[in-house]
Amino acid sequence: MKRRQFINNTVASTAFITAGGLSLTSCSTERKKHITILHTNDVHSHIDPFPATDARNPNQGGVARRATLIEQIRTENPNTLLLDAGDIFQGTPYFNFYGGEIEFKLMSMLKYDAATLGNHDFDNGIDGLLSQLPNAKFEIINGNYDFSNTIMDGQIKPYKIFTKDGLKIGVFGLGVELEGLVTKGLYKETKYLDPIEIAQDLTRELKKEQKCDLVICLSHLGFKYQDNTVSDIVLAQNTENIDLIIGGHTHTFLDKPVVEINRKGQKVLINQVGCYGIYLGRIDFYFDEKEKSSDGISINV
């Protein structure tokens, strides 16, 4: 297929959709290729739904409900990727008792395709993280943590390329600065590398060398800050070749994707769906020979 120009037309639905009414009204039937991206972030070991007595989120969330939605959407479109933007661990007794085993095993059962690392995924140290990696039957990716002087050396790849309906989708990961957020003894000699520089290197490889049709960043940098700290907004504005940033860390809920302009004047989508597995993000990309467009929603689980 010809190389495509990114998002000449972006349509983002603001509807909230539950399991009883899952549909997208703005989908074009004329486009030849349809890729669905499902995503979560900052689930923080929330396996069960919130209780009925919870003041803010009664009966919401939970892995079982999420699994039902995911299966529904995969039936609707087999060309679906399921991704997570980090902070899988820490937040309920499941992590305190099992150290991440339950979280990784359940994500594997839900057939996640890839996830990146959040700062709380180091809460049992890199030794604890390494011990749980065999339970993750999906790719854990990060490009800006240098693990070369640790026991994690060689365990984490910077990116993963997926092929769906003949389209190549490159997914790479970026993490937040650990110093000040995580005790030094937990991440040890892990080095933090500049996420913008790493993103430029990785996306150049994915777009130019690997010829990916779509490039997605799984980011645990945070959506936006008041100072100059690197965030998803800053990342989008100062890079090129990223089509979609799936964010985490700041627990930001976006009812529709934000559109930013990159340094080449092209559009970049950014989405983040709060925390605790209450919402499942969905972005649909439609490809033809000349262009790709998108449609995005947040689904209440």
C-alpha atoms as a PDB file:
ATOM      1  CA  MET A   1       0.000   0.000   0.000  1.00  0.00           C
ATOM      2  CA  LYS A   2       1.112   3.594  -0.565  1.00  0.00           C
ATOM      3  CA  ARG A   3       2.654   5.587   2.299  1.00  0.00           C
ATOM      4  CA  ARG A   4      -0.119   7.464   4.063  1.00  0.00           C
ATOM      5  CA  GLN A   5      -0.343  11.016   5.345  1.00  0.00           C
ATOM      6  CA  PHE A   6      -1.399  11.111   8.991  1.00  0.00           C
ATOM      7  CA  ILE A   7      -4.915  12.109  10.016  1.00  0.00           C
ATOM      8  CA  ASN A   8      -6.136  14.542   7.404  1.00  0.00           C
ATOM      9  CA  ASN A   9      -9.489  14.129   9.076  1.00  0.00           C
ATOM     10  CA  THR A  10      -9.998  13.454  12.779  1.00  0.00           C
ATOM     11  CA  VAL A  11     -13.404  12.701  14.280  1.00  0.00           C
ATOM     12  CA  ALA A  12     -13.689  12.038  18.011  1.00  0.00           C
ATOM     13  CA  SER A  13     -16.957  10.910  19.565  1.00  0.00           C
ATOM     14  CA  THR A  14     -17.788  12.260  23.024  1.00  0.00           C
ATOM     15  CA  ALA A  15     -20.249   9.510  23.876  1.00  0.00           C
ATOM     16  CA  PHE A  16     -19.890   7.284  26.907  1.00  0.00           C
ATOM     17  CA  ILE A  17     -20.718   3.705  25.989  1.00  0.00           C
ATOM     18  CA  THR A  18     -21.564   0.808  28.276  1.00  0.00           C
ATOM     19  CA  ALA A  19     -21.665  -2.896  27.510  1.00  0.00           C
ATOM     20  CA  GLY A  20     -25.312  -2.617  26.545  1.00  0.00           C
ATOM     21  CA  GLY A  21     -24.786  -0.206  23.664  1.00  0.00           C
ATOM     22  CA  LEU A  22     -21.423  -0.543  22.005  1.00  0.00           C
ATOM     23  CA  SER A  23     -21.301   1.238  18.664  1.00  0.00           C
ATOM     24  CA  LEU A  24     -19.577   3.996  16.716  1.00  0.00           C
ATOM     25  CA  THR A  25     -21.817   6.197  14.616  1.00  0.00           C
ATOM     26  CA  SER A  26     -19.110   8.089  12.723  1.00  0.00           C
ATOM     27  CA  CYS A  27     -17.415   5.109  11.058  1.00  0.00           C
ATOM     28  CA  SER A  28     -17.059   5.294   7.311  1.00  0.00           C
ATOM     29  CA  THR A  29     -18.072   2.152   5.446  1.00  0.00           C
ATOM     30  CA  GLU A  30     -15.940   3.108   2.425  1.00  0.00           C
ATOM     31  CA  ARG A  31     -12.517   2.691   4.011  1.00  0.00           C
ATOM     32  CA  LYS A  32     -10.698  -0.512   3.306  1.00  0.00           C
ATOM     33  CA  LYS A  33      -8.725  -1.093   6.498  1.00  0.00           C
ATOM     34  CA  HIS A  34      -9.950  -0.714  10.073  1.00  0.00           C
ATOM     35  CA  ILE A  35      -7.647  -0.994  13.098  1.00  0.00           C
ATOM     36  CA  THR A  36      -9.025  -0.741  16.650  1.00  0.00           C
ATOM     37  CA  ILE A  37      -6.754   0.267  19.533  1.00  0.00           C
ATOM     38  CA  LEU A  38      -8.040  -0.528  23.047  1.00  0.00           C
ATOM     39  CA  HIS A  39      -6.126   0.783  26.031  1.00  0.00           C
ATOM     40  CA  THR A  40      -5.919   1.151  29.794  1.00  0.00           C
ATOM     41  CA  ASN A  41      -3.577   2.992  32.157  1.00  0.00           C
ATOM     42  CA  ASP A  42      -2.934   3.219  35.898  1.00  0.00           C
ATOM     43  CA  VAL A  43      -5.104   0.228  36.765  1.00  0.00           C
ATOM     44  CA  HIS A  44      -3.157  -0.070  40.050  1.00  0.00           C
ATOM     45  CA  SER A  45      -4.043  -3.680  40.877  1.00  0.00           C
ATOM     46  CA  HIS A  46      -7.797  -3.056  40.807  1.00  0.00           C
ATOM     47  CA  ILE A  47      -9.013  -6.553  40.005  1.00  0.00           C
ATOM     48  CA  ASP A  48     -12.520  -6.346  41.462  1.00  0.00           C
ATOM     49  CA  PRO A  49     -15.178  -3.731  40.639  1.00  0.00           C
ATOM     50  CA  PHE A  50     -15.745  -0.936  43.103  1.00  0.00           C
ATOM     51  CA  PRO A  51     -18.386  -1.849  45.705  1.00  0.00           C
ATOM     52  CA  ALA A  52     -21.948  -0.610  45.400  1.00  0.00           C
ATOM     53  CA  THR A  53     -21.322   1.619  48.410  1.00  0.00           C
ATOM     54  CA  ASP A  54     -18.419   3.501  46.811  1.00  0.00           C
ATOM     55  CA  ALA A  55     -19.201   7.216  46.724  1.00  0.00           C
ATOM     56  CA  ARG A  56     -17.581   7.947  43.356  1.00  0.00           C
ATOM     57  CA  ASN A  57     -17.535   4.767  41.268  1.00  0.00           C
ATOM     58  CA  PRO A  58     -20.205   2.346  42.550  1.00  0.00           C
ATOM     59  CA  ASN A  59     -20.176  -1.047  40.774  1.00  0.00           C
ATOM     60  CA  GLN A  60     -17.722   0.225  38.162  1.00  0.00           C
ATOM     61  CA  GLY A  61     -14.517  -1.297  36.831  1.00  0.00           C
ATOM     62  CA  GLY A  62     -13.277  -4.820  37.403  1.00  0.00           C
ATOM     63  CA  VAL A  63     -11.360  -7.216  35.168  1.00  0.00           C
ATOM     64  CA  ALA A  64     -14.371  -9.430  34.396  1.00  0.00           C
ATOM     65  CA  ARG A  65     -16.383  -6.540  32.999  1.00  0.00           C
ATOM     66  CA  ARG A  66     -13.399  -5.317  31.002  1.00  0.00           C
ATOM     67  CA  ALA A  67     -12.907  -8.822  29.570  1.00  0.00           C
ATOM     68  CA  THR A  68     -16.513  -8.877  28.340  1.00  0.00           C
ATOM     69  CA  LEU A  69     -16.110  -5.529  26.581  1.00  0.00           C
ATOM     70  CA  ILE A  70     -12.812  -6.517  25.008  1.00  0.00           C
ATOM     71  CA  GLU A  71     -14.252  -9.767  23.696  1.00  0.00           C
ATOM     72  CA  GLN A  72     -17.220  -7.891  22.241  1.00  0.00           C
ATOM     73  CA  ILE A  73     -14.989  -5.458  20.411  1.00  0.00           C
ATOM     74  CA  ARG A  74     -12.643  -8.168  19.138  1.00  0.00           C
ATOM     75  CA  THR A  75     -15.653  -9.998  17.729  1.00  0.00           C
ATOM     76  CA  GLU A  76     -16.706  -6.784  16.017  1.00  0.00           C
ATOM     77  CA  ASN A  77     -13.191  -6.179  14.660  1.00  0.00           C
ATOM     78  CA  PRO A  78     -10.537  -8.927  14.843  1.00  0.00           C
ATOM     79  CA  ASN A  79      -7.891  -6.329  13.869  1.00  0.00           C
ATOM     80  CA  THR A  80      -7.646  -5.038  17.428  1.00  0.00           C
ATOM     81  CA  LEU A  81      -4.685  -4.283  19.684  1.00  0.00           C
ATOM     82  CA  LEU A  82      -4.973  -4.104  23.496  1.00  0.00           C
ATOM     83  CA  LEU A  83      -2.373  -1.896  25.195  1.00  0.00           C
ATOM     84  CA  ASP A  84      -1.542  -0.543  28.666  1.00  0.00           C
ATOM     85  CA  ALA A  85       0.376   2.614  29.614  1.00  0.00           C
ATOM     86  CA  GLY A  86       1.827   1.512  32.951  1.00  0.00           C
ATOM     87  CA  ASP A  87       1.287   1.489  36.719  1.00  0.00           C
ATOM     88  CA  ILE A  88      -0.154  -1.981  36.517  1.00  0.00           C
ATOM     89  CA  PHE A  89       0.953  -2.633  40.112  1.00  0.00           C
ATOM     90  CA  GLN A  90       0.216  -1.180  43.569  1.00  0.00           C
ATOM     91  CA  GLY A  91      -3.090  -0.056  45.003  1.00  0.00           C
ATOM     92  CA  THR A  92      -4.924  -3.077  46.440  1.00  0.00           C
ATOM     93  CA  PRO A  93      -4.025  -6.089  48.642  1.00  0.00           C
ATOM     94  CA  TYR A  94      -3.688  -8.224  45.498  1.00  0.00           C
ATOM     95  CA  PHE A  95      -0.325  -6.600  44.877  1.00  0.00           C
ATOM     96  CA  ASN A  96       0.707  -6.695  48.537  1.00  0.00           C
ATOM     97  CA  PHE A  97       0.076 -10.442  48.741  1.00  0.00           C
ATOM     98  CA  TYR A  98       1.055 -11.630  45.255  1.00  0.00           C
ATOM     99  CA  GLY A  99       3.588  -9.046  44.080  1.00  0.00           C
ATOM    100  CA  GLY A 100       2.117  -8.558  40.601  1.00  0.00           C
ATOM    101  CA  GLU A 101       1.515 -12.198  39.699  1.00  0.00           C
ATOM    102  CA  ILE A 102      -2.278 -11.822  39.586  1.00  0.00           C
ATOM    103  CA  GLU A 103      -2.138  -8.648  37.505  1.00  0.00           C
ATOM    104  CA  PHE A 104       0.174 -10.108  34.856  1.00  0.00           C
ATOM    105  CA  LYS A 105      -1.708 -13.411  34.681  1.00  0.00           C
ATOM    106  CA  LEU A 106      -5.063 -11.695  34.235  1.00  0.00           C
ATOM    107  CA  MET A 107      -3.695  -9.337  31.591  1.00  0.00           C
ATOM    108  CA  SER A 108      -2.317 -12.386  29.797  1.00  0.00           C
ATOM    109  CA  MET A 109      -5.741 -14.034  29.930  1.00  0.00           C
ATOM    110  CA  LEU A 110      -7.258 -10.858  28.460  1.00  0.00           C
ATOM    111  CA  LYS A 111      -4.609 -11.160  25.714  1.00  0.00           C
ATOM    112  CA  TYR A 112      -2.979  -7.787  26.099  1.00  0.00           C
ATOM    113  CA  ASP A 113      -0.551  -7.187  23.258  1.00  0.00           C
ATOM    114  CA  ALA A 114       1.864  -4.783  24.980  1.00  0.00           C
ATOM    115  CA  ALA A 115       2.347  -2.609  28.057  1.00  0.00           C
ATOM    116  CA  THR A 116       4.913  -0.110  29.233  1.00  0.00           C
ATOM    117  CA  LEU A 117       6.360   0.409  32.720  1.00  0.00           C
ATOM    118  CA  GLY A 118       5.097   2.942  35.238  1.00  0.00           C
ATOM    119  CA  ASN A 119       6.926   4.103  38.351  1.00  0.00           C
ATOM    120  CA  HIS A 120       4.759   1.901  40.608  1.00  0.00           C
ATOM    121  CA  ASP A 121       5.754  -1.158  38.621  1.00  0.00           C
ATOM    122  CA  PHE A 122       9.079  -0.845  40.472  1.00  0.00           C
ATOM    123  CA  ASP A 123       7.455  -0.968  43.930  1.00  0.00           C
ATOM    124  CA  ASN A 124       8.800  -4.475  44.586  1.00  0.00           C
ATOM    125  CA  GLY A 125      12.159  -3.491  43.127  1.00  0.00           C
ATOM    126  CA  ILE A 126      13.637  -4.604  39.841  1.00  0.00           C
ATOM    127  CA  ASP A 127      14.198  -8.017  41.411  1.00  0.00           C
ATOM    128  CA  GLY A 128      10.473  -8.331  42.084  1.00  0.00           C
ATOM    129  CA  LEU A 129       9.609  -7.070  38.610  1.00  0.00           C
ATOM    130  CA  LEU A 130      12.001  -9.529  36.990  1.00  0.00           C
ATOM    131  CA  SER A 131      10.539 -12.422  38.968  1.00  0.00           C
ATOM    132  CA  GLN A 132       7.044 -11.629  37.631  1.00  0.00           C
ATOM    133  CA  LEU A 133       7.981 -11.216  33.951  1.00  0.00           C
ATOM    134  CA  PRO A 134       7.352 -14.921  33.140  1.00  0.00           C
ATOM    135  CA  ASN A 135       3.697 -14.344  34.073  1.00  0.00           C
ATOM    136  CA  ALA A 136       3.330 -11.667  31.379  1.00  0.00           C
ATOM    137  CA  LYS A 137       2.464 -13.382  28.108  1.00  0.00           C
ATOM    138  CA  PHE A 138       2.562 -10.022  26.345  1.00  0.00           C
ATOM    139  CA  GLU A 139       5.371  -7.628  25.436  1.00  0.00           C
ATOM    140  CA  ILE A 140       6.574  -5.165  28.067  1.00  0.00           C
ATOM    141  CA  ILE A 141       8.296  -2.307  26.275  1.00  0.00           C
ATOM    142  CA  ASN A 142      10.307   0.758  27.255  1.00  0.00           C
ATOM    143  CA  GLY A 143      12.866   2.759  25.320  1.00  0.00           C
ATOM    144  CA  ASN A 144      14.198   5.306  27.816  1.00  0.00           C
ATOM    145  CA  TYR A 145      15.134   3.149  30.824  1.00  0.00           C
ATOM    146  CA  ASP A 146      18.670   1.843  30.451  1.00  0.00           C
ATOM    147  CA  PHE A 147      18.787  -1.459  32.343  1.00  0.00           C
ATOM    148  CA  SER A 148      22.261  -2.450  31.109  1.00  0.00           C
ATOM    149  CA  ASN A 149      23.841  -2.351  34.577  1.00  0.00           C
ATOM    150  CA  THR A 150      21.014  -4.249  36.280  1.00  0.00           C
ATOM    151  CA  ILE A 151      19.573  -7.752  36.372  1.00  0.00           C
ATOM    152  CA  MET A 152      16.900  -6.507  33.939  1.00  0.00           C
ATOM    153  CA  ASP A 153      19.487  -6.170  31.173  1.00  0.00           C
ATOM    154  CA  GLY A 154      18.075  -7.604  27.956  1.00  0.00           C
ATOM    155  CA  GLN A 155      14.613  -8.229  29.413  1.00  0.00           C
ATOM    156  CA  ILE A 156      12.791  -5.152  28.088  1.00  0.00           C
ATOM    157  CA  LYS A 157      12.586  -4.246  24.398  1.00  0.00           C
ATOM    158  CA  PRO A 158      12.126  -0.637  23.256  1.00  0.00           C
ATOM    159  CA  TYR A 159       9.328  -1.432  20.821  1.00  0.00           C
ATOM    160  CA  LYS A 160       7.207  -4.121  19.226  1.00  0.00           C
ATOM    161  CA  ILE A 161       5.814  -4.263  15.682  1.00  0.00           C
ATOM    162  CA  PHE A 162       2.416  -5.850  15.088  1.00  0.00           C
ATOM    163  CA  THR A 163       0.803  -6.684  11.754  1.00  0.00           C
ATOM    164  CA  LYS A 164      -2.967  -6.394  11.446  1.00  0.00           C
ATOM    165  CA  ASP A 165      -4.799  -6.759   8.148  1.00  0.00           C
ATOM    166  CA  GLY A 166      -1.538  -6.203   6.286  1.00  0.00           C
ATOM    167  CA  LEU A 167      -0.740  -2.980   8.170  1.00  0.00           C
ATOM    168  CA  LYS A 168       2.396  -2.590  10.284  1.00  0.00           C
ATOM    169  CA  ILE A 169       1.822  -0.995  13.696  1.00  0.00           C
ATOM    170  CA  GLY A 170       4.876   0.041  15.695  1.00  0.00           C
ATOM    171  CA  VAL A 171       4.383   0.444  19.440  1.00  0.00           C
ATOM    172  CA  PHE A 172       7.114   1.853  21.713  1.00  0.00           C
ATOM    173  CA  GLY A 173       7.249   2.760  25.394  1.00  0.00           C
ATOM    174  CA  LEU A 174       8.478   5.711  27.470  1.00  0.00           C
ATOM    175  CA  GLY A 175       8.658   6.060  31.259  1.00  0.00           C
ATOM    176  CA  VAL A 176       8.736   8.905  33.753  1.00  0.00           C
ATOM    177  CA  GLU A 177      11.866   9.965  35.636  1.00  0.00           C
ATOM    178  CA  LEU A 178      12.139   7.534  38.577  1.00  0.00           C
ATOM    179  CA  GLU A 179      14.333   9.704  40.803  1.00  0.00           C
ATOM    180  CA  GLY A 180      12.134  11.402  43.358  1.00  0.00           C
ATOM    181  CA  LEU A 181       9.232   9.038  42.713  1.00  0.00           C
ATOM    182  CA  VAL A 182      10.827   5.674  43.494  1.00  0.00           C
ATOM    183  CA  THR A 183      13.341   4.803  46.200  1.00  0.00           C
ATOM    184  CA  LYS A 184      16.781   4.439  44.621  1.00  0.00           C
ATOM    185  CA  GLY A 185      17.213   0.970  46.107  1.00  0.00           C
ATOM    186  CA  LEU A 186      14.218  -0.270  44.135  1.00  0.00           C
ATOM    187  CA  TYR A 187      15.365   0.724  40.651  1.00  0.00           C
ATOM    188  CA  LYS A 188      19.095   0.546  41.466  1.00  0.00           C
ATOM    189  CA  GLU A 189      21.346   1.377  38.492  1.00  0.00           C
ATOM    190  CA  THR A 190      18.519   1.933  36.027  1.00  0.00           C
ATOM    191  CA  LYS A 191      19.333   5.059  34.017  1.00  0.00           C
ATOM    192  CA  TYR A 192      16.725   7.508  32.764  1.00  0.00           C
ATOM    193  CA  LEU A 193      17.276   8.673  29.180  1.00  0.00           C
ATOM    194  CA  ASP A 194      15.761  11.777  27.584  1.00  0.00           C
ATOM    195  CA  PRO A 195      12.329  10.675  26.301  1.00  0.00           C
ATOM    196  CA  ILE A 196      12.189  13.172  23.446  1.00  0.00           C
ATOM    197  CA  GLU A 197      15.567  12.103  22.058  1.00  0.00           C
ATOM    198  CA  ILE A 198      14.665   8.433  22.430  1.00  0.00           C
ATOM    199  CA  ALA A 199      11.265   8.995  20.816  1.00  0.00           C
ATOM    200  CA  GLN A 200      12.891  10.678  17.822  1.00  0.00           C
ATOM    201  CA  ASP A 201      15.334   7.790  17.369  1.00  0.00           C
ATOM    202  CA  LEU A 202      12.710   5.073  17.760  1.00  0.00           C
ATOM    203  CA  THR A 203      10.058   6.673  15.581  1.00  0.00           C
ATOM    204  CA  ARG A 204      12.572   7.342  12.826  1.00  0.00           C
ATOM    205  CA  GLU A 205      13.413   3.657  12.892  1.00  0.00           C
ATOM    206  CA  LEU A 206       9.780   2.584  12.983  1.00  0.00           C
ATOM    207  CA  LYS A 207       8.568   4.929  10.238  1.00  0.00           C
ATOM    208  CA  LYS A 208      11.565   5.184   7.912  1.00  0.00           C
ATOM    209  CA  GLU A 209      13.330   1.852   8.301  1.00  0.00           C
ATOM    210  CA  GLN A 210      10.576  -0.522   9.408  1.00  0.00           C
ATOM    211  CA  LYS A 211       7.947   1.225   7.242  1.00  0.00           C
ATOM    212  CA  CYS A 212       5.237   1.173   9.903  1.00  0.00           C
ATOM    213  CA  ASP A 213       1.853   2.492   8.796  1.00  0.00           C
ATOM    214  CA  LEU A 214       0.969   3.563  12.337  1.00  0.00           C
ATOM    215  CA  VAL A 215       3.269   4.506  15.248  1.00  0.00           C
ATOM    216  CA  ILE A 216       1.936   4.460  18.818  1.00  0.00           C
ATOM    217  CA  CYS A 217       3.709   5.633  21.973  1.00  0.00           C
ATOM    218  CA  LEU A 218       2.781   4.033  25.298  1.00  0.00           C
ATOM    219  CA  SER A 219       3.735   6.859  27.621  1.00  0.00           C
ATOM    220  CA  HIS A 220       3.945   6.986  31.389  1.00  0.00           C
ATOM    221  CA  LEU A 221       5.223  10.566  31.325  1.00  0.00           C
ATOM    222  CA  GLY A 222       1.970  12.251  32.354  1.00  0.00           C
ATOM    223  CA  PHE A 223      -0.465  14.327  30.307  1.00  0.00           C
ATOM    224  CA  LYS A 224       0.517  17.926  31.163  1.00  0.00           C
ATOM    225  CA  TYR A 225       2.388  19.922  33.822  1.00  0.00           C
ATOM    226  CA  GLN A 226       2.637  23.588  34.780  1.00  0.00           C
ATOM    227  CA  ASP A 227       6.434  23.595  34.460  1.00  0.00           C
ATOM    228  CA  ASN A 228       8.736  22.356  31.679  1.00  0.00           C
ATOM    229  CA  THR A 229       8.651  18.726  32.780  1.00  0.00           C
ATOM    230  CA  VAL A 230       8.350  16.448  29.752  1.00  0.00           C
ATOM    231  CA  SER A 231       4.732  15.391  29.324  1.00  0.00           C
ATOM    232  CA  ASP A 232       2.633  13.874  26.556  1.00  0.00           C
ATOM    233  CA  ILE A 233       1.809  17.377  25.300  1.00  0.00           C
ATOM    234  CA  VAL A 234       5.501  18.364  25.204  1.00  0.00           C
ATOM    235  CA  LEU A 235       6.413  15.041  23.596  1.00  0.00           C
ATOM    236  CA  ALA A 236       3.847  15.504  20.836  1.00  0.00           C
ATOM    237  CA  GLN A 237       4.926  19.086  20.113  1.00  0.00           C
ATOM    238  CA  ASN A 238       8.655  18.349  19.962  1.00  0.00           C
ATOM    239  CA  THR A 239       8.780  15.146  17.927  1.00  0.00           C
ATOM    240  CA  GLU A 240       7.608  13.774  14.592  1.00  0.00           C
ATOM    241  CA  ASN A 241       6.366  10.427  13.292  1.00  0.00           C
ATOM    242  CA  ILE A 242       4.157   9.658  16.337  1.00  0.00           C
ATOM    243  CA  ASP A 243       0.531   9.110  15.348  1.00  0.00           C
ATOM    244  CA  LEU A 244      -0.988   8.301  18.750  1.00  0.00           C
ATOM    245  CA  ILE A 245       0.193   8.773  22.339  1.00  0.00           C
ATOM    246  CA  ILE A 246      -1.564   6.583  24.890  1.00  0.00           C
ATOM    247  CA  GLY A 247      -0.793   8.185  28.229  1.00  0.00           C
ATOM    248  CA  GLY A 248      -0.666   7.396  31.912  1.00  0.00           C
ATOM    249  CA  HIS A 249       0.745   8.554  35.277  1.00  0.00           C
ATOM    250  CA  THR A 250      -1.365  11.687  35.880  1.00  0.00           C
ATOM    251  CA  HIS A 251      -4.675   9.754  36.033  1.00  0.00           C
ATOM    252  CA  THR A 252      -6.113  12.212  33.508  1.00  0.00           C
ATOM    253  CA  PHE A 253      -9.526  11.343  32.120  1.00  0.00           C
ATOM    254  CA  LEU A 254     -10.113  12.506  28.548  1.00  0.00           C
ATOM    255  CA  ASP A 255     -13.597  11.860  27.201  1.00  0.00           C
ATOM    256  CA  LYS A 256     -12.132  12.192  23.714  1.00  0.00           C
ATOM    257  CA  PRO A 257      -8.570  12.316  22.355  1.00  0.00           C
ATOM    258  CA  VAL A 258      -6.690  15.621  22.373  1.00  0.00           C
ATOM    259  CA  VAL A 259      -5.143  16.697  19.068  1.00  0.00           C
ATOM    260  CA  GLU A 260      -1.693  18.324  19.196  1.00  0.00           C
ATOM    261  CA  ILE A 261       0.514  19.581  16.372  1.00  0.00           C
ATOM    262  CA  ASN A 262       4.004  18.127  16.098  1.00  0.00           C
ATOM    263  CA  ARG A 263       7.149  19.953  15.023  1.00  0.00           C
ATOM    264  CA  LYS A 264       6.415  19.169  11.367  1.00  0.00           C
ATOM    265  CA  GLY A 265       2.900  20.644  11.545  1.00  0.00           C
ATOM    266  CA  GLN A 266       1.179  17.253  11.599  1.00  0.00           C
ATOM    267  CA  LYS A 267      -1.549  16.097  13.967  1.00  0.00           C
ATOM    268  CA  VAL A 268      -0.906  13.772  16.910  1.00  0.00           C
ATOM    269  CA  LEU A 269      -3.651  12.153  18.979  1.00  0.00           C
ATOM    270  CA  ILE A 270      -3.239  11.904  22.764  1.00  0.00           C
ATOM    271  CA  ASN A 271      -5.562   9.868  24.962  1.00  0.00           C
ATOM    272  CA  GLN A 272      -5.661   8.802  28.614  1.00  0.00           C
ATOM    273  CA  VAL A 273      -8.544   7.166  30.493  1.00  0.00           C
ATOM    274  CA  GLY A 274      -8.192   8.062  34.148  1.00  0.00           C
ATOM    275  CA  CYS A 275      -7.290   5.176  36.444  1.00  0.00           C
ATOM    276  CA  TYR A 276      -8.314   1.955  38.230  1.00  0.00           C
ATOM    277  CA  GLY A 277      -9.764   0.270  35.136  1.00  0.00           C
ATOM    278  CA  ILE A 278     -12.976   2.285  35.271  1.00  0.00           C
ATOM    279  CA  TYR A 279     -12.716   3.153  31.594  1.00  0.00           C
ATOM    280  CA  LEU A 280     -11.452   1.349  28.520  1.00  0.00           C
ATOM    281  CA  GLY A 281     -10.090   3.630  25.819  1.00  0.00           C
ATOM    282  CA  ARG A 282     -10.909   2.956  22.192  1.00  0.00           C
ATOM    283  CA  ILE A 283      -9.374   4.567  19.106  1.00  0.00           C
ATOM    284  CA  ASP A 284     -10.378   3.404  15.627  1.00  0.00           C
ATOM    285  CA  PHE A 285      -8.139   4.112  12.636  1.00  0.00           C
ATOM    286  CA  TYR A 286      -9.435   3.820   9.072  1.00  0.00           C
ATOM    287  CA  PHE A 287      -7.018   3.429   6.169  1.00  0.00           C
ATOM    288  CA  ASP A 288      -7.377   3.743   2.442  1.00  0.00           C
ATOM    289  CA  GLU A 289      -4.753   4.182  -0.261  1.00  0.00           C
ATOM    290  CA  LYS A 290      -4.363   7.916   0.368  1.00  0.00           C
ATOM    291  CA  GLU A 291      -5.070   8.726   3.994  1.00  0.00           C
ATOM    292  CA  LYS A 292      -5.926   7.502   7.455  1.00  0.00           C
ATOM    293  CA  SER A 293      -8.500   8.971   9.794  1.00  0.00           C
ATOM    294  CA  SER A 294      -9.512   8.198  13.356  1.00  0.00           C
ATOM    295  CA  ASP A 295     -12.369   8.040  15.790  1.00  0.00           C
ATOM    296  CA  GLY A 296     -11.957   7.850  19.573  1.00  0.00           C
ATOM    297  CA  ILE A 297     -14.073   7.209  22.643  1.00  0.00           C
ATOM    298  CA  SER A 298     -13.821   6.231  26.307  1.00  0.00           C
ATOM    299  CA  ILE A 299     -15.927   3.282  27.387  1.00  0.00           C
ATOM    300  CA  ASN A 300     -17.289   3.126  30.940  1.00  0.00           C
ATOM    301  CA  VAL A 301     -16.530  -0.405  32.178  1.00  0.00           C
END
